[in-house]
Amino acid sequence: MPALKKYPPELKERAIRLVLDSVDENGGRRGACTRVGTQLGIPVDTLRGWVQRAEIDVGARPGVTSDEKARLAELEKENRELRRANAILRRASAFFAAEPGRPGSR
């Protein structure tokens, strides 16, 4: 079951936009996050994380974008499934190869 989203995406986008606009005016990200966070009722650390993620996604800050992160997680999941399937096939192959009454095993 997926985790519940505490904040709607519209609020998140608006908060990020307000922080980025406020940083441009005043130059301080920490103060901007504090101001906007208290105005909108969002914890400062949560808002700071959202702003960092938005900057990474835009390319203004180095890091792995959200799309790349999702793709990587998808590939890791697929890799785990394939390893599991290979292990099952190896066990089945060993089982059938060791079967005593098998024709042609002389």
PDB file of N, CA and C in Angstrom:
ATOM      1  N   MET A   1       0.842  -1.173   0.000  1.00  0.00           N
ATOM      2  CA  MET A   1       0.000   0.000   0.000  1.00  0.00           C
ATOM      3  C   MET A   1       0.890   1.240   0.000  1.00  0.00           C
ATOM      4  N   PRO A   2       0.682   2.178  -0.949  1.00  0.00           N
ATOM      5  CA  PRO A   2       1.536   3.349  -1.021  1.00  0.00           C
ATOM      6  C   PRO A   2       1.310   4.278   0.174  1.00  0.00           C
ATOM      7  N   ALA A   3       2.356   5.016   0.515  1.00  0.00           N
ATOM      8  CA  ALA A   3       2.270   5.953   1.627  1.00  0.00           C
ATOM      9  C   ALA A   3       1.337   7.113   1.248  1.00  0.00           C
ATOM     10  N   LEU A   4       0.644   7.613   2.236  1.00  0.00           N
ATOM     11  CA  LEU A   4      -0.245   8.736   2.001  1.00  0.00           C
ATOM     12  C   LEU A   4       0.568  10.003   1.819  1.00  0.00           C
ATOM     13  N   LYS A   5       0.148  10.834   0.879  1.00  0.00           N
ATOM     14  CA  LYS A   5       0.800  12.107   0.652  1.00  0.00           C
ATOM     15  C   LYS A   5       0.161  13.124   1.588  1.00  0.00           C
ATOM     16  N   LYS A   6       0.977  13.730   2.424  1.00  0.00           N
ATOM     17  CA  LYS A   6       0.443  14.649   3.413  1.00  0.00           C
ATOM     18  C   LYS A   6       0.053  15.984   2.782  1.00  0.00           C
ATOM     19  N   TYR A   7       0.780  16.408   1.785  1.00  0.00           N
ATOM     20  CA  TYR A   7       0.533  17.700   1.164  1.00  0.00           C
ATOM     21  C   TYR A   7       0.137  17.509  -0.294  1.00  0.00           C
ATOM     22  N   PRO A   8      -0.862  18.243  -0.759  1.00  0.00           N
ATOM     23  CA  PRO A   8      -1.245  18.139  -2.175  1.00  0.00           C
ATOM     24  C   PRO A   8      -0.144  18.711  -3.070  1.00  0.00           C
ATOM     25  N   PRO A   9      -0.044  18.199  -4.287  1.00  0.00           N
ATOM     26  CA  PRO A   9       1.019  18.659  -5.195  1.00  0.00           C
ATOM     27  C   PRO A   9       0.946  20.158  -5.496  1.00  0.00           C
ATOM     28  N   GLU A  10      -0.269  20.709  -5.513  1.00  0.00           N
ATOM     29  CA  GLU A  10      -0.412  22.138  -5.797  1.00  0.00           C
ATOM     30  C   GLU A  10       0.254  22.968  -4.713  1.00  0.00           C
ATOM     31  N   LEU A  11       0.057  22.568  -3.451  1.00  0.00           N
ATOM     32  CA  LEU A  11       0.669  23.279  -2.331  1.00  0.00           C
ATOM     33  C   LEU A  11       2.186  23.157  -2.394  1.00  0.00           C
ATOM     34  N   LYS A  12       2.661  21.969  -2.727  1.00  0.00           N
ATOM     35  CA  LYS A  12       4.096  21.735  -2.828  1.00  0.00           C
ATOM     36  C   LYS A  12       4.717  22.622  -3.902  1.00  0.00           C
ATOM     37  N   GLU A  13       4.097  22.671  -5.077  1.00  0.00           N
ATOM     38  CA  GLU A  13       4.614  23.493  -6.175  1.00  0.00           C
ATOM     39  C   GLU A  13       4.591  24.972  -5.809  1.00  0.00           C
ATOM     40  N   ARG A  14       3.505  25.394  -5.172  1.00  0.00           N
ATOM     41  CA  ARG A  14       3.377  26.801  -4.773  1.00  0.00           C
ATOM     42  C   ARG A  14       4.447  27.172  -3.743  1.00  0.00           C
ATOM     43  N   ALA A  15       4.659  26.293  -2.767  1.00  0.00           N
ATOM     44  CA  ALA A  15       5.655  26.557  -1.734  1.00  0.00           C
ATOM     45  C   ALA A  15       7.048  26.653  -2.343  1.00  0.00           C
ATOM     46  N   ILE A  16       7.379  25.755  -3.242  1.00  0.00           N
ATOM     47  CA  ILE A  16       8.691  25.780  -3.900  1.00  0.00           C
ATOM     48  C   ILE A  16       8.859  27.075  -4.682  1.00  0.00           C
ATOM     49  N   ARG A  17       7.833  27.442  -5.425  1.00  0.00           N
ATOM     50  CA  ARG A  17       7.893  28.672  -6.209  1.00  0.00           C
ATOM     51  C   ARG A  17       8.088  29.891  -5.309  1.00  0.00           C
ATOM     52  N   LEU A  18       7.353  29.938  -4.181  1.00  0.00           N
ATOM     53  CA  LEU A  18       7.481  31.058  -3.252  1.00  0.00           C
ATOM     54  C   LEU A  18       8.882  31.138  -2.653  1.00  0.00           C
ATOM     55  N   VAL A  19       9.446  29.993  -2.295  1.00  0.00           N
ATOM     56  CA  VAL A  19      10.801  29.987  -1.728  1.00  0.00           C
ATOM     57  C   VAL A  19      11.808  30.463  -2.764  1.00  0.00           C
ATOM     58  N   LEU A  20      11.717  29.950  -3.975  1.00  0.00           N
ATOM     59  CA  LEU A  20      12.673  30.345  -5.014  1.00  0.00           C
ATOM     60  C   LEU A  20      12.557  31.827  -5.341  1.00  0.00           C
ATOM     61  N   ASP A  21      11.345  32.356  -5.385  1.00  0.00           N
ATOM     62  CA  ASP A  21      11.162  33.789  -5.624  1.00  0.00           C
ATOM     63  C   ASP A  21      11.714  34.608  -4.463  1.00  0.00           C
ATOM     64  N   SER A  22      11.497  34.135  -3.245  1.00  0.00           N
ATOM     65  CA  SER A  22      11.966  34.843  -2.063  1.00  0.00           C
ATOM     66  C   SER A  22      13.486  34.803  -1.967  1.00  0.00           C
ATOM     67  N   VAL A  23      14.093  33.702  -2.371  1.00  0.00           N
ATOM     68  CA  VAL A  23      15.555  33.604  -2.363  1.00  0.00           C
ATOM     69  C   VAL A  23      16.136  34.614  -3.336  1.00  0.00           C
ATOM     70  N   ASP A  24      15.518  34.787  -4.496  1.00  0.00           N
ATOM     71  CA  ASP A  24      15.999  35.750  -5.472  1.00  0.00           C
ATOM     72  C   ASP A  24      15.959  37.171  -4.912  1.00  0.00           C
ATOM     73  N   GLU A  25      14.918  37.480  -4.151  1.00  0.00           N
ATOM     74  CA  GLU A  25      14.767  38.823  -3.591  1.00  0.00           C
ATOM     75  C   GLU A  25      15.750  39.072  -2.452  1.00  0.00           C
ATOM     76  N   ASN A  26      15.838  38.135  -1.515  1.00  0.00           N
ATOM     77  CA  ASN A  26      16.619  38.350  -0.302  1.00  0.00           C
ATOM     78  C   ASN A  26      17.962  37.640  -0.307  1.00  0.00           C
ATOM     79  N   GLY A  27      18.111  36.613  -1.094  1.00  0.00           N
ATOM     80  CA  GLY A  27      19.370  35.906  -1.198  1.00  0.00           C
ATOM     81  C   GLY A  27      19.600  34.838  -0.151  1.00  0.00           C
ATOM     82  N   GLY A  28      18.707  34.646   0.808  1.00  0.00           N
ATOM     83  CA  GLY A  28      18.902  33.640   1.838  1.00  0.00           C
ATOM     84  C   GLY A  28      17.886  32.534   1.753  1.00  0.00           C
ATOM     85  N   ARG A  29      18.326  31.332   1.435  1.00  0.00           N
ATOM     86  CA  ARG A  29      17.413  30.204   1.277  1.00  0.00           C
ATOM     87  C   ARG A  29      16.839  29.759   2.614  1.00  0.00           C
ATOM     88  N   ARG A  30      17.685  29.756   3.638  1.00  0.00           N
ATOM     89  CA  ARG A  30      17.217  29.280   4.946  1.00  0.00           C
ATOM     90  C   ARG A  30      16.100  30.173   5.484  1.00  0.00           C
ATOM     91  N   GLY A  31      16.290  31.473   5.401  1.00  0.00           N
ATOM     92  CA  GLY A  31      15.263  32.409   5.858  1.00  0.00           C
ATOM     93  C   GLY A  31      13.998  32.316   5.018  1.00  0.00           C
ATOM     94  N   ALA A  32      14.182  32.124   3.713  1.00  0.00           N
ATOM     95  CA  ALA A  32      13.030  32.002   2.817  1.00  0.00           C
ATOM     96  C   ALA A  32      12.229  30.745   3.145  1.00  0.00           C
ATOM     97  N   CYS A  33      12.920  29.636   3.396  1.00  0.00           N
ATOM     98  CA  CYS A  33      12.229  28.390   3.742  1.00  0.00           C
ATOM     99  C   CYS A  33      11.490  28.544   5.070  1.00  0.00           C
ATOM    100  N   THR A  34      12.112  29.228   6.019  1.00  0.00           N
ATOM    101  CA  THR A  34      11.477  29.435   7.325  1.00  0.00           C
ATOM    102  C   THR A  34      10.225  30.286   7.178  1.00  0.00           C
ATOM    103  N   ARG A  35      10.353  31.390   6.450  1.00  0.00           N
ATOM    104  CA  ARG A  35       9.210  32.304   6.260  1.00  0.00           C
ATOM    105  C   ARG A  35       8.050  31.619   5.554  1.00  0.00           C
ATOM    106  N   VAL A  36       8.337  31.007   4.414  1.00  0.00           N
ATOM    107  CA  VAL A  36       7.279  30.369   3.619  1.00  0.00           C
ATOM    108  C   VAL A  36       6.704  29.175   4.372  1.00  0.00           C
ATOM    109  N   GLY A  37       7.560  28.416   5.040  1.00  0.00           N
ATOM    110  CA  GLY A  37       7.097  27.256   5.792  1.00  0.00           C
ATOM    111  C   GLY A  37       6.134  27.635   6.903  1.00  0.00           C
ATOM    112  N   THR A  38       6.454  28.678   7.640  1.00  0.00           N
ATOM    113  CA  THR A  38       5.544  29.095   8.718  1.00  0.00           C
ATOM    114  C   THR A  38       4.251  29.670   8.153  1.00  0.00           C
ATOM    115  N   GLN A  39       4.317  30.363   7.041  1.00  0.00           N
ATOM    116  CA  GLN A  39       3.111  30.928   6.431  1.00  0.00           C
ATOM    117  C   GLN A  39       2.168  29.833   5.934  1.00  0.00           C
ATOM    118  N   LEU A  40       2.737  28.763   5.376  1.00  0.00           N
ATOM    119  CA  LEU A  40       1.914  27.703   4.787  1.00  0.00           C
ATOM    120  C   LEU A  40       1.706  26.514   5.719  1.00  0.00           C
ATOM    121  N   GLY A  41       2.363  26.512   6.861  1.00  0.00           N
ATOM    122  CA  GLY A  41       2.210  25.406   7.801  1.00  0.00           C
ATOM    123  C   GLY A  41       2.959  24.153   7.391  1.00  0.00           C
ATOM    124  N   ILE A  42       4.120  24.340   6.773  1.00  0.00           N
ATOM    125  CA  ILE A  42       4.947  23.226   6.317  1.00  0.00           C
ATOM    126  C   ILE A  42       6.246  23.251   7.120  1.00  0.00           C
ATOM    127  N   PRO A  43       6.688  22.112   7.645  1.00  0.00           N
ATOM    128  CA  PRO A  43       7.966  22.099   8.367  1.00  0.00           C
ATOM    129  C   PRO A  43       9.110  22.586   7.477  1.00  0.00           C
ATOM    130  N   VAL A  44      10.034  23.321   8.071  1.00  0.00           N
ATOM    131  CA  VAL A  44      11.129  23.939   7.323  1.00  0.00           C
ATOM    132  C   VAL A  44      11.988  22.892   6.624  1.00  0.00           C
ATOM    133  N   ASP A  45      12.306  21.797   7.314  1.00  0.00           N
ATOM    134  CA  ASP A  45      13.152  20.767   6.698  1.00  0.00           C
ATOM    135  C   ASP A  45      12.464  20.100   5.518  1.00  0.00           C
ATOM    136  N   THR A  46      11.160  19.908   5.615  1.00  0.00           N
ATOM    137  CA  THR A  46      10.406  19.336   4.496  1.00  0.00           C
ATOM    138  C   THR A  46      10.470  20.254   3.292  1.00  0.00           C
ATOM    139  N   LEU A  47      10.231  21.529   3.536  1.00  0.00           N
ATOM    140  CA  LEU A  47      10.251  22.509   2.455  1.00  0.00           C
ATOM    141  C   LEU A  47      11.647  22.637   1.855  1.00  0.00           C
ATOM    142  N   ARG A  48      12.667  22.611   2.690  1.00  0.00           N
ATOM    143  CA  ARG A  48      14.043  22.688   2.210  1.00  0.00           C
ATOM    144  C   ARG A  48      14.372  21.502   1.310  1.00  0.00           C
ATOM    145  N   GLY A  49      13.898  20.315   1.687  1.00  0.00           N
ATOM    146  CA  GLY A  49      14.107  19.126   0.853  1.00  0.00           C
ATOM    147  C   GLY A  49      13.397  19.235  -0.482  1.00  0.00           C
ATOM    148  N   TRP A  50      12.178  19.775  -0.451  1.00  0.00           N
ATOM    149  CA  TRP A  50      11.434  19.962  -1.705  1.00  0.00           C
ATOM    150  C   TRP A  50      12.192  20.907  -2.631  1.00  0.00           C
ATOM    151  N   VAL A  51      12.713  22.007  -2.070  1.00  0.00           N
ATOM    152  CA  VAL A  51      13.422  23.001  -2.881  1.00  0.00           C
ATOM    153  C   VAL A  51      14.694  22.384  -3.453  1.00  0.00           C
ATOM    154  N   GLN A  52      15.425  21.633  -2.651  1.00  0.00           N
ATOM    155  CA  GLN A  52      16.639  20.982  -3.155  1.00  0.00           C
ATOM    156  C   GLN A  52      16.312  20.021  -4.282  1.00  0.00           C
ATOM    157  N   ARG A  53      15.253  19.216  -4.124  1.00  0.00           N
ATOM    158  CA  ARG A  53      14.844  18.266  -5.154  1.00  0.00           C
ATOM    159  C   ARG A  53      14.456  19.006  -6.432  1.00  0.00           C
ATOM    160  N   ALA A  54      13.736  20.128  -6.291  1.00  0.00           N
ATOM    161  CA  ALA A  54      13.327  20.908  -7.465  1.00  0.00           C
ATOM    162  C   ALA A  54      14.551  21.469  -8.181  1.00  0.00           C
ATOM    163  N   GLU A  55      15.539  21.948  -7.426  1.00  0.00           N
ATOM    164  CA  GLU A  55      16.754  22.482  -8.042  1.00  0.00           C
ATOM    165  C   GLU A  55      17.536  21.385  -8.764  1.00  0.00           C
ATOM    166  N   ILE A  56      17.574  20.200  -8.193  1.00  0.00           N
ATOM    167  CA  ILE A  56      18.260  19.081  -8.846  1.00  0.00           C
ATOM    168  C   ILE A  56      17.532  18.700 -10.135  1.00  0.00           C
ATOM    169  N   ASP A  57      16.199  18.657 -10.074  1.00  0.00           N
ATOM    170  CA  ASP A  57      15.420  18.287 -11.262  1.00  0.00           C
ATOM    171  C   ASP A  57      15.586  19.295 -12.388  1.00  0.00           C
ATOM    172  N   VAL A  58      15.748  20.570 -12.042  1.00  0.00           N
ATOM    173  CA  VAL A  58      15.914  21.624 -13.048  1.00  0.00           C
ATOM    174  C   VAL A  58      17.333  21.644 -13.600  1.00  0.00           C
ATOM    175  N   GLY A  59      18.286  21.164 -12.795  1.00  0.00           N
ATOM    176  CA  GLY A  59      19.679  21.165 -13.216  1.00  0.00           C
ATOM    177  C   GLY A  59      20.479  22.284 -12.582  1.00  0.00           C
ATOM    178  N   ALA A  60      19.886  23.012 -11.644  1.00  0.00           N
ATOM    179  CA  ALA A  60      20.585  24.099 -10.977  1.00  0.00           C
ATOM    180  C   ALA A  60      21.525  23.586  -9.890  1.00  0.00           C
ATOM    181  N   ARG A  61      21.378  22.341  -9.501  1.00  0.00           N
ATOM    182  CA  ARG A  61      22.187  21.746  -8.438  1.00  0.00           C
ATOM    183  C   ARG A  61      22.571  20.347  -8.895  1.00  0.00           C
ATOM    184  N   PRO A  62      23.793  19.914  -8.604  1.00  0.00           N
ATOM    185  CA  PRO A  62      24.192  18.569  -9.021  1.00  0.00           C
ATOM    186  C   PRO A  62      23.467  17.498  -8.216  1.00  0.00           C
ATOM    187  N   GLY A  63      23.195  16.383  -8.866  1.00  0.00           N
ATOM    188  CA  GLY A  63      22.541  15.265  -8.200  1.00  0.00           C
ATOM    189  C   GLY A  63      21.751  14.438  -9.197  1.00  0.00           C
ATOM    190  N   VAL A  64      21.121  13.400  -8.692  1.00  0.00           N
ATOM    191  CA  VAL A  64      20.318  12.495  -9.514  1.00  0.00           C
ATOM    192  C   VAL A  64      18.893  13.024  -9.548  1.00  0.00           C
ATOM    193  N   THR A  65      18.366  13.250 -10.751  1.00  0.00           N
ATOM    194  CA  THR A  65      17.017  13.791 -10.879  1.00  0.00           C
ATOM    195  C   THR A  65      15.978  12.753 -10.450  1.00  0.00           C
ATOM    196  N   SER A  66      14.773  13.224 -10.222  1.00  0.00           N
ATOM    197  CA  SER A  66      13.685  12.337  -9.789  1.00  0.00           C
ATOM    198  C   SER A  66      13.396  11.268 -10.831  1.00  0.00           C
ATOM    199  N   ASP A  67      13.433  11.651 -12.113  1.00  0.00           N
ATOM    200  CA  ASP A  67      13.181  10.681 -13.186  1.00  0.00           C
ATOM    201  C   ASP A  67      14.258   9.597 -13.211  1.00  0.00           C
ATOM    202  N   GLU A  68      15.509  10.019 -13.067  1.00  0.00           N
ATOM    203  CA  GLU A  68      16.601   9.051 -13.055  1.00  0.00           C
ATOM    204  C   GLU A  68      16.506   8.141 -11.830  1.00  0.00           C
ATOM    205  N   LYS A  69      16.116   8.723 -10.717  1.00  0.00           N
ATOM    206  CA  LYS A  69      15.975   7.956  -9.484  1.00  0.00           C
ATOM    207  C   LYS A  69      14.880   6.896  -9.626  1.00  0.00           C
ATOM    208  N   ALA A  70      13.760   7.284 -10.218  1.00  0.00           N
ATOM    209  CA  ALA A  70      12.656   6.343 -10.424  1.00  0.00           C
ATOM    210  C   ALA A  70      13.066   5.238 -11.398  1.00  0.00           C
ATOM    211  N   ARG A  71      13.761   5.601 -12.460  1.00  0.00           N
ATOM    212  CA  ARG A  71      14.214   4.622 -13.447  1.00  0.00           C
ATOM    213  C   ARG A  71      15.215   3.643 -12.817  1.00  0.00           C
ATOM    214  N   LEU A  72      16.106   4.175 -11.987  1.00  0.00           N
ATOM    215  CA  LEU A  72      17.084   3.327 -11.314  1.00  0.00           C
ATOM    216  C   LEU A  72      16.397   2.341 -10.376  1.00  0.00           C
ATOM    217  N   ALA A  73      15.411   2.811  -9.632  1.00  0.00           N
ATOM    218  CA  ALA A  73      14.666   1.925  -8.730  1.00  0.00           C
ATOM    219  C   ALA A  73      13.940   0.841  -9.517  1.00  0.00           C
ATOM    220  N   GLU A  74      13.378   1.215 -10.669  1.00  0.00           N
ATOM    221  CA  GLU A  74      12.679   0.246 -11.523  1.00  0.00           C
ATOM    222  C   GLU A  74      13.648  -0.815 -12.047  1.00  0.00           C
ATOM    223  N   LEU A  75      14.826  -0.391 -12.478  1.00  0.00           N
ATOM    224  CA  LEU A  75      15.826  -1.337 -12.980  1.00  0.00           C
ATOM    225  C   LEU A  75      16.348  -2.248 -11.872  1.00  0.00           C
ATOM    226  N   GLU A  76      16.528  -1.712 -10.667  1.00  0.00           N
ATOM    227  CA  GLU A  76      16.971  -2.540  -9.551  1.00  0.00           C
ATOM    228  C   GLU A  76      15.921  -3.590  -9.202  1.00  0.00           C
ATOM    229  N   LYS A  77      14.658  -3.212  -9.254  1.00  0.00           N
ATOM    230  CA  LYS A  77      13.579  -4.165  -8.979  1.00  0.00           C
ATOM    231  C   LYS A  77      13.569  -5.273 -10.039  1.00  0.00           C
ATOM    232  N   GLU A  78      13.697  -4.877 -11.296  1.00  0.00           N
ATOM    233  CA  GLU A  78      13.725  -5.854 -12.385  1.00  0.00           C
ATOM    234  C   GLU A  78      14.928  -6.791 -12.241  1.00  0.00           C
ATOM    235  N   ASN A  79      16.061  -6.237 -11.830  1.00  0.00           N
ATOM    236  CA  ASN A  79      17.260  -7.031 -11.637  1.00  0.00           C
ATOM    237  C   ASN A  79      17.056  -8.066 -10.531  1.00  0.00           C
ATOM    238  N   ARG A  80      16.429  -7.667  -9.418  1.00  0.00           N
ATOM    239  CA  ARG A  80      16.137  -8.616  -8.332  1.00  0.00           C
ATOM    240  C   ARG A  80      15.229  -9.733  -8.822  1.00  0.00           C
ATOM    241  N   GLU A  81      14.195  -9.386  -9.593  1.00  0.00           N
ATOM    242  CA  GLU A  81      13.264 -10.394 -10.115  1.00  0.00           C
ATOM    243  C   GLU A  81      13.982 -11.376 -11.042  1.00  0.00           C
ATOM    244  N   LEU A  82      14.862 -10.866 -11.890  1.00  0.00           N
ATOM    245  CA  LEU A  82      15.600 -11.730 -12.816  1.00  0.00           C
ATOM    246  C   LEU A  82      16.562 -12.645 -12.078  1.00  0.00           C
ATOM    247  N   ARG A  83      17.240 -12.128 -11.051  1.00  0.00           N
ATOM    248  CA  ARG A  83      18.131 -12.977 -10.252  1.00  0.00           C
ATOM    249  C   ARG A  83      17.342 -14.092  -9.571  1.00  0.00           C
ATOM    250  N   ARG A  84      16.165 -13.760  -9.056  1.00  0.00           N
ATOM    251  CA  ARG A  84      15.312 -14.756  -8.401  1.00  0.00           C
ATOM    252  C   ARG A  84      14.879 -15.823  -9.406  1.00  0.00           C
ATOM    253  N   ALA A  85      14.464 -15.396 -10.595  1.00  0.00           N
ATOM    254  CA  ALA A  85      14.039 -16.348 -11.622  1.00  0.00           C
ATOM    255  C   ALA A  85      15.204 -17.247 -12.048  1.00  0.00           C
ATOM    256  N   ASN A  86      16.395 -16.664 -12.173  1.00  0.00           N
ATOM    257  CA  ASN A  86      17.567 -17.473 -12.538  1.00  0.00           C
ATOM    258  C   ASN A  86      17.877 -18.500 -11.462  1.00  0.00           C
ATOM    259  N   ALA A  87      17.767 -18.126 -10.212  1.00  0.00           N
ATOM    260  CA  ALA A  87      18.030 -19.068  -9.121  1.00  0.00           C
ATOM    261  C   ALA A  87      17.024 -20.218  -9.158  1.00  0.00           C
ATOM    262  N   ILE A  88      15.772 -19.907  -9.412  1.00  0.00           N
ATOM    263  CA  ILE A  88      14.733 -20.946  -9.499  1.00  0.00           C
ATOM    264  C   ILE A  88      15.035 -21.881 -10.665  1.00  0.00           C
ATOM    265  N   LEU A  89      15.410 -21.332 -11.794  1.00  0.00           N
ATOM    266  CA  LEU A  89      15.720 -22.158 -12.968  1.00  0.00           C
ATOM    267  C   LEU A  89      16.952 -23.031 -12.730  1.00  0.00           C
ATOM    268  N   ARG A  90      17.973 -22.501 -12.036  1.00  0.00           N
ATOM    269  CA  ARG A  90      19.156 -23.309 -11.721  1.00  0.00           C
ATOM    270  C   ARG A  90      18.791 -24.487 -10.830  1.00  0.00           C
ATOM    271  N   ARG A  91      17.944 -24.216  -9.819  1.00  0.00           N
ATOM    272  CA  ARG A  91      17.533 -25.296  -8.919  1.00  0.00           C
ATOM    273  C   ARG A  91      16.710 -26.342  -9.668  1.00  0.00           C
ATOM    274  N   ALA A  92      15.823 -25.903 -10.525  1.00  0.00           N
ATOM    275  CA  ALA A  92      15.001 -26.837 -11.292  1.00  0.00           C
ATOM    276  C   ALA A  92      15.867 -27.664 -12.238  1.00  0.00           C
ATOM    277  N   SER A  93      16.825 -27.031 -12.855  1.00  0.00           N
ATOM    278  CA  SER A  93      17.736 -27.748 -13.762  1.00  0.00           C
ATOM    279  C   SER A  93      18.535 -28.806 -13.004  1.00  0.00           C
ATOM    280  N   ALA A  94      19.031 -28.443 -11.831  1.00  0.00           N
ATOM    281  CA  ALA A  94      19.792 -29.403 -11.026  1.00  0.00           C
ATOM    282  C   ALA A  94      18.902 -30.550 -10.564  1.00  0.00           C
ATOM    283  N   PHE A  95      17.665 -30.241 -10.223  1.00  0.00           N
ATOM    284  CA  PHE A  95      16.732 -31.273  -9.782  1.00  0.00           C
ATOM    285  C   PHE A  95      16.464 -32.275 -10.892  1.00  0.00           C
ATOM    286  N   PHE A  96      16.162 -31.781 -12.093  1.00  0.00           N
ATOM    287  CA  PHE A  96      15.840 -32.680 -13.191  1.00  0.00           C
ATOM    288  C   PHE A  96      17.076 -33.412 -13.717  1.00  0.00           C
ATOM    289  N   ALA A  97      18.248 -32.817 -13.601  1.00  0.00           N
ATOM    290  CA  ALA A  97      19.471 -33.486 -14.047  1.00  0.00           C
ATOM    291  C   ALA A  97      19.833 -34.643 -13.116  1.00  0.00           C
ATOM    292  N   ALA A  98      19.466 -34.541 -11.848  1.00  0.00           N
ATOM    293  CA  ALA A  98      19.806 -35.580 -10.867  1.00  0.00           C
ATOM    294  C   ALA A  98      18.721 -36.638 -10.743  1.00  0.00           C
ATOM    295  N   GLU A  99      17.652 -36.554 -11.524  1.00  0.00           N
ATOM    296  CA  GLU A  99      16.538 -37.502 -11.422  1.00  0.00           C
ATOM    297  C   GLU A  99      17.017 -38.892 -11.830  1.00  0.00           C
ATOM    298  N   PRO A 100      16.833 -39.914 -10.971  1.00  0.00           N
ATOM    299  CA  PRO A 100      17.384 -41.245 -11.251  1.00  0.00           C
ATOM    300  C   PRO A 100      16.692 -41.989 -12.379  1.00  0.00           C
ATOM    301  N   GLY A 101      15.410 -41.892 -12.540  1.00  0.00           N
ATOM    302  CA  GLY A 101      14.707 -42.683 -13.561  1.00  0.00           C
ATOM    303  C   GLY A 101      14.603 -41.989 -14.890  1.00  0.00           C
ATOM    304  N   ARG A 102      15.394 -41.023 -15.111  1.00  0.00           N
ATOM    305  CA  ARG A 102      15.312 -40.227 -16.324  1.00  0.00           C
ATOM    306  C   ARG A 102      15.895 -40.993 -17.502  1.00  0.00           C
ATOM    307  N   PRO A 103      15.185 -41.033 -18.645  1.00  0.00           N
ATOM    308  CA  PRO A 103      15.722 -41.748 -19.811  1.00  0.00           C
ATOM    309  C   PRO A 103      16.925 -40.997 -20.385  1.00  0.00           C
ATOM    310  N   GLY A 104      17.898 -41.755 -20.813  1.00  0.00           N
ATOM    311  CA  GLY A 104      19.084 -41.166 -21.440  1.00  0.00           C
ATOM    312  C   GLY A 104      20.098 -40.673 -20.441  1.00  0.00           C
ATOM    313  N   SER A 105      19.959 -41.069 -19.176  1.00  0.00           N
ATOM    314  CA  SER A 105      20.908 -40.602 -18.168  1.00  0.00           C
ATOM    315  C   SER A 105      21.988 -41.662 -17.887  1.00  0.00           C
ATOM    316  N   ARG A 106      22.150 -42.603 -18.782  1.00  0.00           N
ATOM    317  CA  ARG A 106      23.140 -43.683 -18.581  1.00  0.00           C
ATOM    318  C   ARG A 106      24.474 -43.306 -19.049  1.00  0.00           C
TER     319      ARG A 106
END
